[in-house]
């Protein structure tokens, strides 16, 4: 499960990097992968590049769609209707 989260987070980080390199800096919504713990999830959530950066303030934060699977030790720290930010307990 955590490997799934890490893979989609990496893909989202690469997408963000490519968009920044292309000069995208406005507040347009971008379809990012859901970073939930469900290995079969391939859904997308819409967020701006700024929201992505804020959501991933630490390496323990993940972007997920509302109501998507979380793992034990994860808590939602932000919810806005389009996505939730979950954090993992420090190990």
PDB file of N, CA and C in Angstrom:
ATOM      1  N   UNK A   1       0.808  -1.194   0.000  1.00  0.00           N
ATOM      2  CA  UNK A   1       0.000   0.000   0.000  1.00  0.00           C
ATOM      3  C   UNK A   1       0.858   1.268   0.000  1.00  0.00           C
ATOM      4  N   UNK A   2       1.838   1.323   0.855  1.00  0.00           N
ATOM      5  CA  UNK A   2       2.669   2.531   0.903  1.00  0.00           C
ATOM      6  C   UNK A   2       3.466   2.688  -0.386  1.00  0.00           C
ATOM      7  N   UNK A   3       3.833   1.572  -1.011  1.00  0.00           N
ATOM      8  CA  UNK A   3       4.560   1.652  -2.272  1.00  0.00           C
ATOM      9  C   UNK A   3       3.686   2.332  -3.325  1.00  0.00           C
ATOM     10  N   UNK A   4       2.394   2.019  -3.337  1.00  0.00           N
ATOM     11  CA  UNK A   4       1.455   2.662  -4.258  1.00  0.00           C
ATOM     12  C   UNK A   4       1.423   4.164  -4.018  1.00  0.00           C
ATOM     13  N   UNK A   5       1.345   4.551  -2.757  1.00  0.00           N
ATOM     14  CA  UNK A   5       1.316   5.974  -2.424  1.00  0.00           C
ATOM     15  C   UNK A   5       2.591   6.674  -2.884  1.00  0.00           C
ATOM     16  N   UNK A   6       3.716   6.040  -2.655  1.00  0.00           N
ATOM     17  CA  UNK A   6       5.000   6.628  -3.046  1.00  0.00           C
ATOM     18  C   UNK A   6       5.114   6.763  -4.564  1.00  0.00           C
ATOM     19  N   UNK A   7       4.638   5.746  -5.310  1.00  0.00           N
ATOM     20  CA  UNK A   7       4.728   5.790  -6.768  1.00  0.00           C
ATOM     21  C   UNK A   7       3.899   6.926  -7.340  1.00  0.00           C
ATOM     22  N   UNK A   8       2.668   7.074  -6.845  1.00  0.00           N
ATOM     23  CA  UNK A   8       1.815   8.136  -7.368  1.00  0.00           C
ATOM     24  C   UNK A   8       2.292   9.511  -6.903  1.00  0.00           C
ATOM     25  N   UNK A   9       2.829   9.596  -5.715  1.00  0.00           N
ATOM     26  CA  UNK A   9       3.387  10.874  -5.274  1.00  0.00           C
ATOM     27  C   UNK A   9       4.562  11.262  -6.180  1.00  0.00           C
ATOM     28  N   UNK A  10       5.437  10.300  -6.507  1.00  0.00           N
ATOM     29  CA  UNK A  10       6.564  10.561  -7.398  1.00  0.00           C
ATOM     30  C   UNK A  10       6.064  11.024  -8.767  1.00  0.00           C
ATOM     31  N   UNK A  11       5.056  10.340  -9.306  1.00  0.00           N
ATOM     32  CA  UNK A  11       4.497  10.735 -10.608  1.00  0.00           C
ATOM     33  C   UNK A  11       3.936  12.150 -10.544  1.00  0.00           C
ATOM     34  N   UNK A  12       3.240  12.482  -9.459  1.00  0.00           N
ATOM     35  CA  UNK A  12       2.695  13.826  -9.296  1.00  0.00           C
ATOM     36  C   UNK A  12       3.803  14.875  -9.188  1.00  0.00           C
ATOM     37  N   UNK A  13       4.866  14.538  -8.482  1.00  0.00           N
ATOM     38  CA  UNK A  13       5.989  15.475  -8.363  1.00  0.00           C
ATOM     39  C   UNK A  13       6.639  15.726  -9.720  1.00  0.00           C
ATOM     40  N   UNK A  14       6.737  14.687 -10.540  1.00  0.00           N
ATOM     41  CA  UNK A  14       7.310  14.841 -11.883  1.00  0.00           C
ATOM     42  C   UNK A  14       6.401  15.705 -12.753  1.00  0.00           C
ATOM     43  N   UNK A  15       5.095  15.491 -12.663  1.00  0.00           N
ATOM     44  CA  UNK A  15       4.140  16.300 -13.415  1.00  0.00           C
ATOM     45  C   UNK A  15       4.264  17.763 -13.003  1.00  0.00           C
ATOM     46  N   UNK A  16       4.327  18.017 -11.708  1.00  0.00           N
ATOM     47  CA  UNK A  16       4.473  19.383 -11.203  1.00  0.00           C
ATOM     48  C   UNK A  16       5.755  20.020 -11.750  1.00  0.00           C
ATOM     49  N   UNK A  17       6.852  19.278 -11.705  1.00  0.00           N
ATOM     50  CA  UNK A  17       8.131  19.793 -12.194  1.00  0.00           C
ATOM     51  C   UNK A  17       8.039  20.153 -13.679  1.00  0.00           C
ATOM     52  N   UNK A  18       7.452  19.269 -14.480  1.00  0.00           N
ATOM     53  CA  UNK A  18       7.320  19.525 -15.919  1.00  0.00           C
ATOM     54  C   UNK A  18       6.461  20.756 -16.192  1.00  0.00           C
ATOM     55  N   UNK A  19       5.390  20.912 -15.439  1.00  0.00           N
ATOM     56  CA  UNK A  19       4.518  22.072 -15.625  1.00  0.00           C
ATOM     57  C   UNK A  19       5.232  23.365 -15.252  1.00  0.00           C
ATOM     58  N   UNK A  20       5.999  23.326 -14.170  1.00  0.00           N
ATOM     59  CA  UNK A  20       6.764  24.512 -13.780  1.00  0.00           C
ATOM     60  C   UNK A  20       7.817  24.860 -14.829  1.00  0.00           C
ATOM     61  N   UNK A  21       8.484  23.844 -15.352  1.00  0.00           N
ATOM     62  CA  UNK A  21       9.489  24.074 -16.394  1.00  0.00           C
ATOM     63  C   UNK A  21       8.858  24.650 -17.659  1.00  0.00           C
ATOM     64  N   UNK A  22       7.602  24.297 -17.901  1.00  0.00           N
ATOM     65  CA  UNK A  22       6.894  24.799 -19.081  1.00  0.00           C
ATOM     66  C   UNK A  22       6.333  26.198 -18.845  1.00  0.00           C
ATOM     67  N   UNK A  23       6.497  26.701 -17.633  1.00  0.00           N
ATOM     68  CA  UNK A  23       6.053  28.058 -17.341  1.00  0.00           C
ATOM     69  C   UNK A  23       4.656  28.165 -16.768  1.00  0.00           C
ATOM     70  N   UNK A  24       4.052  27.064 -16.387  1.00  0.00           N
ATOM     71  CA  UNK A  24       2.718  27.094 -15.805  1.00  0.00           C
ATOM     72  C   UNK A  24       2.819  27.598 -14.368  1.00  0.00           C
ATOM     73  N   UNK A  25       2.270  28.769 -14.133  1.00  0.00           N
ATOM     74  CA  UNK A  25       2.318  29.334 -12.786  1.00  0.00           C
ATOM     75  C   UNK A  25       0.967  29.901 -12.363  1.00  0.00           C
ATOM     76  N   UNK A  26      -0.042  29.779 -13.225  1.00  0.00           N
ATOM     77  CA  UNK A  26      -1.339  30.348 -12.868  1.00  0.00           C
ATOM     78  C   UNK A  26      -2.089  29.415 -11.907  1.00  0.00           C
ATOM     79  N   UNK A  27      -3.329  29.726 -11.680  1.00  0.00           N
ATOM     80  CA  UNK A  27      -4.115  28.960 -10.706  1.00  0.00           C
ATOM     81  C   UNK A  27      -5.034  27.952 -11.387  1.00  0.00           C
ATOM     82  N   UNK A  28      -4.579  27.457 -12.509  1.00  0.00           N
ATOM     83  CA  UNK A  28      -5.331  26.441 -13.244  1.00  0.00           C
ATOM     84  C   UNK A  28      -5.298  25.122 -12.479  1.00  0.00           C
ATOM     85  N   UNK A  29      -6.415  24.394 -12.508  1.00  0.00           N
ATOM     86  CA  UNK A  29      -6.454  23.088 -11.857  1.00  0.00           C
ATOM     87  C   UNK A  29      -5.796  22.043 -12.748  1.00  0.00           C
ATOM     88  N   UNK A  30      -4.984  21.217 -12.130  1.00  0.00           N
ATOM     89  CA  UNK A  30      -4.224  20.173 -12.807  1.00  0.00           C
ATOM     90  C   UNK A  30      -4.743  18.831 -12.299  1.00  0.00           C
ATOM     91  N   UNK A  31      -4.900  17.821 -13.177  1.00  0.00           N
ATOM     92  CA  UNK A  31      -5.335  16.497 -12.711  1.00  0.00           C
ATOM     93  C   UNK A  31      -4.156  15.683 -12.167  1.00  0.00           C
ATOM     94  N   UNK A  32      -4.050  15.633 -10.857  1.00  0.00           N
ATOM     95  CA  UNK A  32      -3.021  14.842 -10.190  1.00  0.00           C
ATOM     96  C   UNK A  32      -3.589  13.469  -9.825  1.00  0.00           C
ATOM     97  N   UNK A  33      -2.710  12.471  -9.734  1.00  0.00           N
ATOM     98  CA  UNK A  33      -3.134  11.144  -9.282  1.00  0.00           C
ATOM     99  C   UNK A  33      -3.500  11.190  -7.807  1.00  0.00           C
ATOM    100  N   UNK A  34      -4.534  10.448  -7.445  1.00  0.00           N
ATOM    101  CA  UNK A  34      -4.869  10.231  -6.040  1.00  0.00           C
ATOM    102  C   UNK A  34      -3.730   9.403  -5.430  1.00  0.00           C
ATOM    103  N   UNK A  35      -3.281   9.795  -4.248  1.00  0.00           N
ATOM    104  CA  UNK A  35      -2.176   9.107  -3.584  1.00  0.00           C
ATOM    105  C   UNK A  35      -2.675   8.258  -2.411  1.00  0.00           C
ATOM    106  N   UNK A  36      -3.872   7.695  -2.563  1.00  0.00           N
ATOM    107  CA  UNK A  36      -4.440   6.892  -1.483  1.00  0.00           C
ATOM    108  C   UNK A  36      -3.762   5.522  -1.411  1.00  0.00           C
ATOM    109  N   UNK A  37      -4.143   4.754  -0.413  1.00  0.00           N
ATOM    110  CA  UNK A  37      -3.520   3.454  -0.170  1.00  0.00           C
ATOM    111  C   UNK A  37      -4.116   2.328  -1.020  1.00  0.00           C
ATOM    112  N   UNK A  38      -5.167   2.600  -1.771  1.00  0.00           N
ATOM    113  CA  UNK A  38      -5.821   1.582  -2.601  1.00  0.00           C
ATOM    114  C   UNK A  38      -4.976   1.319  -3.839  1.00  0.00           C
ATOM    115  N   UNK A  39      -4.439   0.121  -3.934  1.00  0.00           N
ATOM    116  CA  UNK A  39      -3.539  -0.219  -5.039  1.00  0.00           C
ATOM    117  C   UNK A  39      -4.224  -0.216  -6.394  1.00  0.00           C
ATOM    118  N   UNK A  40      -5.562  -0.326  -6.431  1.00  0.00           N
ATOM    119  CA  UNK A  40      -6.266  -0.326  -7.711  1.00  0.00           C
ATOM    120  C   UNK A  40      -6.762   1.069  -8.106  1.00  0.00           C
ATOM    121  N   UNK A  41      -6.582   2.056  -7.255  1.00  0.00           N
ATOM    122  CA  UNK A  41      -7.059   3.412  -7.537  1.00  0.00           C
ATOM    123  C   UNK A  41      -6.168   4.073  -8.583  1.00  0.00           C
ATOM    124  N   UNK A  42      -6.802   4.586  -9.618  1.00  0.00           N
ATOM    125  CA  UNK A  42      -6.100   5.369 -10.634  1.00  0.00           C
ATOM    126  C   UNK A  42      -6.869   6.648 -10.916  1.00  0.00           C
ATOM    127  N   UNK A  43      -7.632   7.092  -9.929  1.00  0.00           N
ATOM    128  CA  UNK A  43      -8.432   8.291 -10.098  1.00  0.00           C
ATOM    129  C   UNK A  43      -7.578   9.534  -9.956  1.00  0.00           C
ATOM    130  N   UNK A  44      -8.127  10.645 -10.421  1.00  0.00           N
ATOM    131  CA  UNK A  44      -7.402  11.912 -10.393  1.00  0.00           C
ATOM    132  C   UNK A  44      -8.171  12.918  -9.533  1.00  0.00           C
ATOM    133  N   UNK A  45      -7.415  13.824  -8.943  1.00  0.00           N
ATOM    134  CA  UNK A  45      -8.010  14.937  -8.225  1.00  0.00           C
ATOM    135  C   UNK A  45      -7.482  16.217  -8.831  1.00  0.00           C
ATOM    136  N   UNK A  46      -8.262  17.266  -8.751  1.00  0.00           N
ATOM    137  CA  UNK A  46      -7.874  18.545  -9.349  1.00  0.00           C
ATOM    138  C   UNK A  46      -7.365  19.493  -8.281  1.00  0.00           C
ATOM    139  N   UNK A  47      -6.196  20.050  -8.537  1.00  0.00           N
ATOM    140  CA  UNK A  47      -5.584  21.007  -7.614  1.00  0.00           C
ATOM    141  C   UNK A  47      -4.642  21.905  -8.402  1.00  0.00           C
ATOM    142  N   UNK A  48      -4.369  23.057  -7.856  1.00  0.00           N
ATOM    143  CA  UNK A  48      -3.390  23.954  -8.476  1.00  0.00           C
ATOM    144  C   UNK A  48      -1.987  23.513  -8.058  1.00  0.00           C
ATOM    145  N   UNK A  49      -0.995  24.048  -8.734  1.00  0.00           N
ATOM    146  CA  UNK A  49       0.388  23.734  -8.365  1.00  0.00           C
ATOM    147  C   UNK A  49       0.693  24.235  -6.957  1.00  0.00           C
ATOM    148  N   UNK A  50       0.153  25.395  -6.598  1.00  0.00           N
ATOM    149  CA  UNK A  50       0.347  25.909  -5.237  1.00  0.00           C
ATOM    150  C   UNK A  50      -0.275  24.986  -4.198  1.00  0.00           C
ATOM    151  N   UNK A  51      -1.479  24.493  -4.481  1.00  0.00           N
ATOM    152  CA  UNK A  51      -2.129  23.572  -3.545  1.00  0.00           C
ATOM    153  C   UNK A  51      -1.312  22.291  -3.403  1.00  0.00           C
ATOM    154  N   UNK A  52      -0.768  21.811  -4.520  1.00  0.00           N
ATOM    155  CA  UNK A  52       0.066  20.607  -4.461  1.00  0.00           C
ATOM    156  C   UNK A  52       1.259  20.834  -3.550  1.00  0.00           C
ATOM    157  N   UNK A  53       1.927  21.961  -3.733  1.00  0.00           N
ATOM    158  CA  UNK A  53       3.106  22.262  -2.926  1.00  0.00           C
ATOM    159  C   UNK A  53       2.748  22.380  -1.445  1.00  0.00           C
ATOM    160  N   UNK A  54       1.663  23.071  -1.146  1.00  0.00           N
ATOM    161  CA  UNK A  54       1.234  23.218   0.245  1.00  0.00           C
ATOM    162  C   UNK A  54       0.855  21.869   0.858  1.00  0.00           C
ATOM    163  N   UNK A  55       0.184  21.020   0.085  1.00  0.00           N
ATOM    164  CA  UNK A  55      -0.255  19.718   0.587  1.00  0.00           C
ATOM    165  C   UNK A  55       0.915  18.801   0.898  1.00  0.00           C
ATOM    166  N   UNK A  56       2.006  18.959   0.181  1.00  0.00           N
ATOM    167  CA  UNK A  56       3.166  18.092   0.360  1.00  0.00           C
ATOM    168  C   UNK A  56       4.267  18.798   1.148  1.00  0.00           C
ATOM    169  N   UNK A  57       3.828  19.538   2.160  1.00  0.00           N
ATOM    170  CA  UNK A  57       4.746  20.301   3.005  1.00  0.00           C
ATOM    171  C   UNK A  57       5.832  19.418   3.606  1.00  0.00           C
ATOM    172  N   UNK A  58       5.479  18.193   3.980  1.00  0.00           N
ATOM    173  CA  UNK A  58       6.468  17.235   4.478  1.00  0.00           C
ATOM    174  C   UNK A  58       6.324  15.933   3.708  1.00  0.00           C
ATOM    175  N   UNK A  59       7.288  15.061   3.862  1.00  0.00           N
ATOM    176  CA  UNK A  59       7.242  13.770   3.156  1.00  0.00           C
ATOM    177  C   UNK A  59       6.180  12.833   3.730  1.00  0.00           C
ATOM    178  N   UNK A  60       5.565  13.196   4.844  1.00  0.00           N
ATOM    179  CA  UNK A  60       4.504  12.371   5.432  1.00  0.00           C
ATOM    180  C   UNK A  60       3.110  12.793   4.973  1.00  0.00           C
ATOM    181  N   UNK A  61       3.007  13.771   4.075  1.00  0.00           N
ATOM    182  CA  UNK A  61       1.705  14.253   3.602  1.00  0.00           C
ATOM    183  C   UNK A  61       1.401  13.674   2.227  1.00  0.00           C
ATOM    184  N   UNK A  62       0.131  13.276   2.040  1.00  0.00           N
ATOM    185  CA  UNK A  62      -0.324  12.719   0.769  1.00  0.00           C
ATOM    186  C   UNK A  62      -1.650  13.348   0.377  1.00  0.00           C
ATOM    187  N   UNK A  63      -1.872  13.486  -0.923  1.00  0.00           N
ATOM    188  CA  UNK A  63      -3.085  13.999  -1.546  1.00  0.00           C
ATOM    189  C   UNK A  63      -4.016  12.831  -1.825  1.00  0.00           C
ATOM    190  N   UNK A  64      -5.253  12.851  -1.373  1.00  0.00           N
ATOM    191  CA  UNK A  64      -6.201  11.798  -1.747  1.00  0.00           C
ATOM    192  C   UNK A  64      -7.558  12.411  -2.050  1.00  0.00           C
ATOM    193  N   UNK A  65      -8.376  11.666  -2.787  1.00  0.00           N
ATOM    194  CA  UNK A  65      -9.749  12.085  -3.030  1.00  0.00           C
ATOM    195  C   UNK A  65     -10.562  11.884  -1.759  1.00  0.00           C
ATOM    196  N   UNK A  66     -11.572  12.715  -1.538  1.00  0.00           N
ATOM    197  CA  UNK A  66     -12.407  12.561  -0.342  1.00  0.00           C
ATOM    198  C   UNK A  66     -12.982  11.151  -0.239  1.00  0.00           C
ATOM    199  N   UNK A  67     -12.869  10.573   0.941  1.00  0.00           N
ATOM    200  CA  UNK A  67     -13.415   9.251   1.200  1.00  0.00           C
ATOM    201  C   UNK A  67     -12.572   8.091   0.729  1.00  0.00           C
ATOM    202  N   UNK A  68     -11.406   8.345   0.158  1.00  0.00           N
ATOM    203  CA  UNK A  68     -10.568   7.245  -0.321  1.00  0.00           C
ATOM    204  C   UNK A  68      -9.831   6.573   0.828  1.00  0.00           C
ATOM    205  N   UNK A  69      -9.361   5.398   0.543  1.00  0.00           N
ATOM    206  CA  UNK A  69      -8.743   4.535   1.543  1.00  0.00           C
ATOM    207  C   UNK A  69      -7.521   5.167   2.184  1.00  0.00           C
ATOM    208  N   UNK A  70      -7.520   5.156   3.497  1.00  0.00           N
ATOM    209  CA  UNK A  70      -6.340   5.580   4.233  1.00  0.00           C
ATOM    210  C   UNK A  70      -5.801   4.369   4.989  1.00  0.00           C
ATOM    211  N   UNK A  71      -4.563   4.460   5.383  1.00  0.00           N
ATOM    212  CA  UNK A  71      -3.914   3.381   6.123  1.00  0.00           C
ATOM    213  C   UNK A  71      -4.003   3.684   7.618  1.00  0.00           C
ATOM    214  N   UNK A  72      -3.807   2.659   8.435  1.00  0.00           N
ATOM    215  CA  UNK A  72      -3.702   2.886   9.869  1.00  0.00           C
ATOM    216  C   UNK A  72      -2.569   3.870  10.107  1.00  0.00           C
ATOM    217  N   UNK A  73      -2.782   4.800  10.999  1.00  0.00           N
ATOM    218  CA  UNK A  73      -1.750   5.778  11.296  1.00  0.00           C
ATOM    219  C   UNK A  73      -1.806   7.016  10.426  1.00  0.00           C
ATOM    220  N   UNK A  74      -2.819   7.125   9.553  1.00  0.00           N
ATOM    221  CA  UNK A  74      -3.000   8.320   8.737  1.00  0.00           C
ATOM    222  C   UNK A  74      -4.190   9.112   9.254  1.00  0.00           C
ATOM    223  N   UNK A  75      -4.057  10.407   9.259  1.00  0.00           N
ATOM    224  CA  UNK A  75      -5.137  11.293   9.672  1.00  0.00           C
ATOM    225  C   UNK A  75      -5.294  12.403   8.651  1.00  0.00           C
ATOM    226  N   UNK A  76      -6.547  12.777   8.364  1.00  0.00           N
ATOM    227  CA  UNK A  76      -6.805  13.899   7.467  1.00  0.00           C
ATOM    228  C   UNK A  76      -6.490  15.200   8.192  1.00  0.00           C
ATOM    229  N   UNK A  77      -5.672  16.035   7.569  1.00  0.00           N
ATOM    230  CA  UNK A  77      -5.331  17.325   8.180  1.00  0.00           C
ATOM    231  C   UNK A  77      -5.916  18.489   7.389  1.00  0.00           C
ATOM    232  N   UNK A  78      -6.435  18.210   6.189  1.00  0.00           N
ATOM    233  CA  UNK A  78      -7.092  19.232   5.387  1.00  0.00           C
ATOM    234  C   UNK A  78      -8.134  18.568   4.515  1.00  0.00           C
ATOM    235  N   UNK A  79      -9.277  19.208   4.385  1.00  0.00           N
ATOM    236  CA  UNK A  79     -10.344  18.727   3.519  1.00  0.00           C
ATOM    237  C   UNK A  79     -10.982  19.941   2.872  1.00  0.00           C
ATOM    238  N   UNK A  80     -11.178  19.887   1.556  1.00  0.00           N
ATOM    239  CA  UNK A  80     -11.807  21.031   0.901  1.00  0.00           C
ATOM    240  C   UNK A  80     -12.868  20.644  -0.120  1.00  0.00           C
ATOM    241  N   UNK A  81     -13.268  19.379  -0.152  1.00  0.00           N
ATOM    242  CA  UNK A  81     -14.279  18.936  -1.101  1.00  0.00           C
ATOM    243  C   UNK A  81     -13.693  18.358  -2.375  1.00  0.00           C
ATOM    244  N   UNK A  82     -12.552  18.865  -2.828  1.00  0.00           N
ATOM    245  CA  UNK A  82     -11.885  18.335  -4.020  1.00  0.00           C
ATOM    246  C   UNK A  82     -10.841  17.296  -3.655  1.00  0.00           C
ATOM    247  N   UNK A  83     -10.227  17.475  -2.502  1.00  0.00           N
ATOM    248  CA  UNK A  83      -9.196  16.540  -2.045  1.00  0.00           C
ATOM    249  C   UNK A  83      -9.039  16.636  -0.546  1.00  0.00           C
ATOM    250  N   UNK A  84      -8.332  15.656   0.005  1.00  0.00           N
ATOM    251  CA  UNK A  84      -7.943  15.666   1.411  1.00  0.00           C
ATOM    252  C   UNK A  84      -6.430  15.534   1.455  1.00  0.00           C
ATOM    253  N   UNK A  85      -5.838  16.084   2.473  1.00  0.00           N
ATOM    254  CA  UNK A  85      -4.420  15.885   2.728  1.00  0.00           C
ATOM    255  C   UNK A  85      -4.355  15.016   3.979  1.00  0.00           C
ATOM    256  N   UNK A  86      -3.676  13.886   3.857  1.00  0.00           N
ATOM    257  CA  UNK A  86      -3.511  13.002   5.016  1.00  0.00           C
ATOM    258  C   UNK A  86      -2.045  12.999   5.411  1.00  0.00           C
ATOM    259  N   UNK A  87      -1.841  12.783   6.682  1.00  0.00           N
ATOM    260  CA  UNK A  87      -0.478  12.720   7.200  1.00  0.00           C
ATOM    261  C   UNK A  87      -0.282  11.386   7.903  1.00  0.00           C
ATOM    262  N   UNK A  88       0.921  10.880   7.820  1.00  0.00           N
ATOM    263  CA  UNK A  88       1.273   9.636   8.490  1.00  0.00           C
ATOM    264  C   UNK A  88       1.916   9.978   9.821  1.00  0.00           C
ATOM    265  N   UNK A  89       1.644   9.147  10.809  1.00  0.00           N
ATOM    266  CA  UNK A  89       2.300   9.309  12.104  1.00  0.00           C
ATOM    267  C   UNK A  89       3.799   9.085  11.932  1.00  0.00           C
ATOM    268  N   UNK A  90       4.591   9.839  12.643  1.00  0.00           N
ATOM    269  CA  UNK A  90       6.050   9.642  12.600  1.00  0.00           C
ATOM    270  C   UNK A  90       6.373   8.252  13.127  1.00  0.00           C
ATOM    271  N   UNK A  91       7.288   7.600  12.448  1.00  0.00           N
ATOM    272  CA  UNK A  91       7.663   6.238  12.837  1.00  0.00           C
ATOM    273  C   UNK A  91       8.862   6.259  13.728  1.00  0.00           C
TER     274      UNK A  91
END
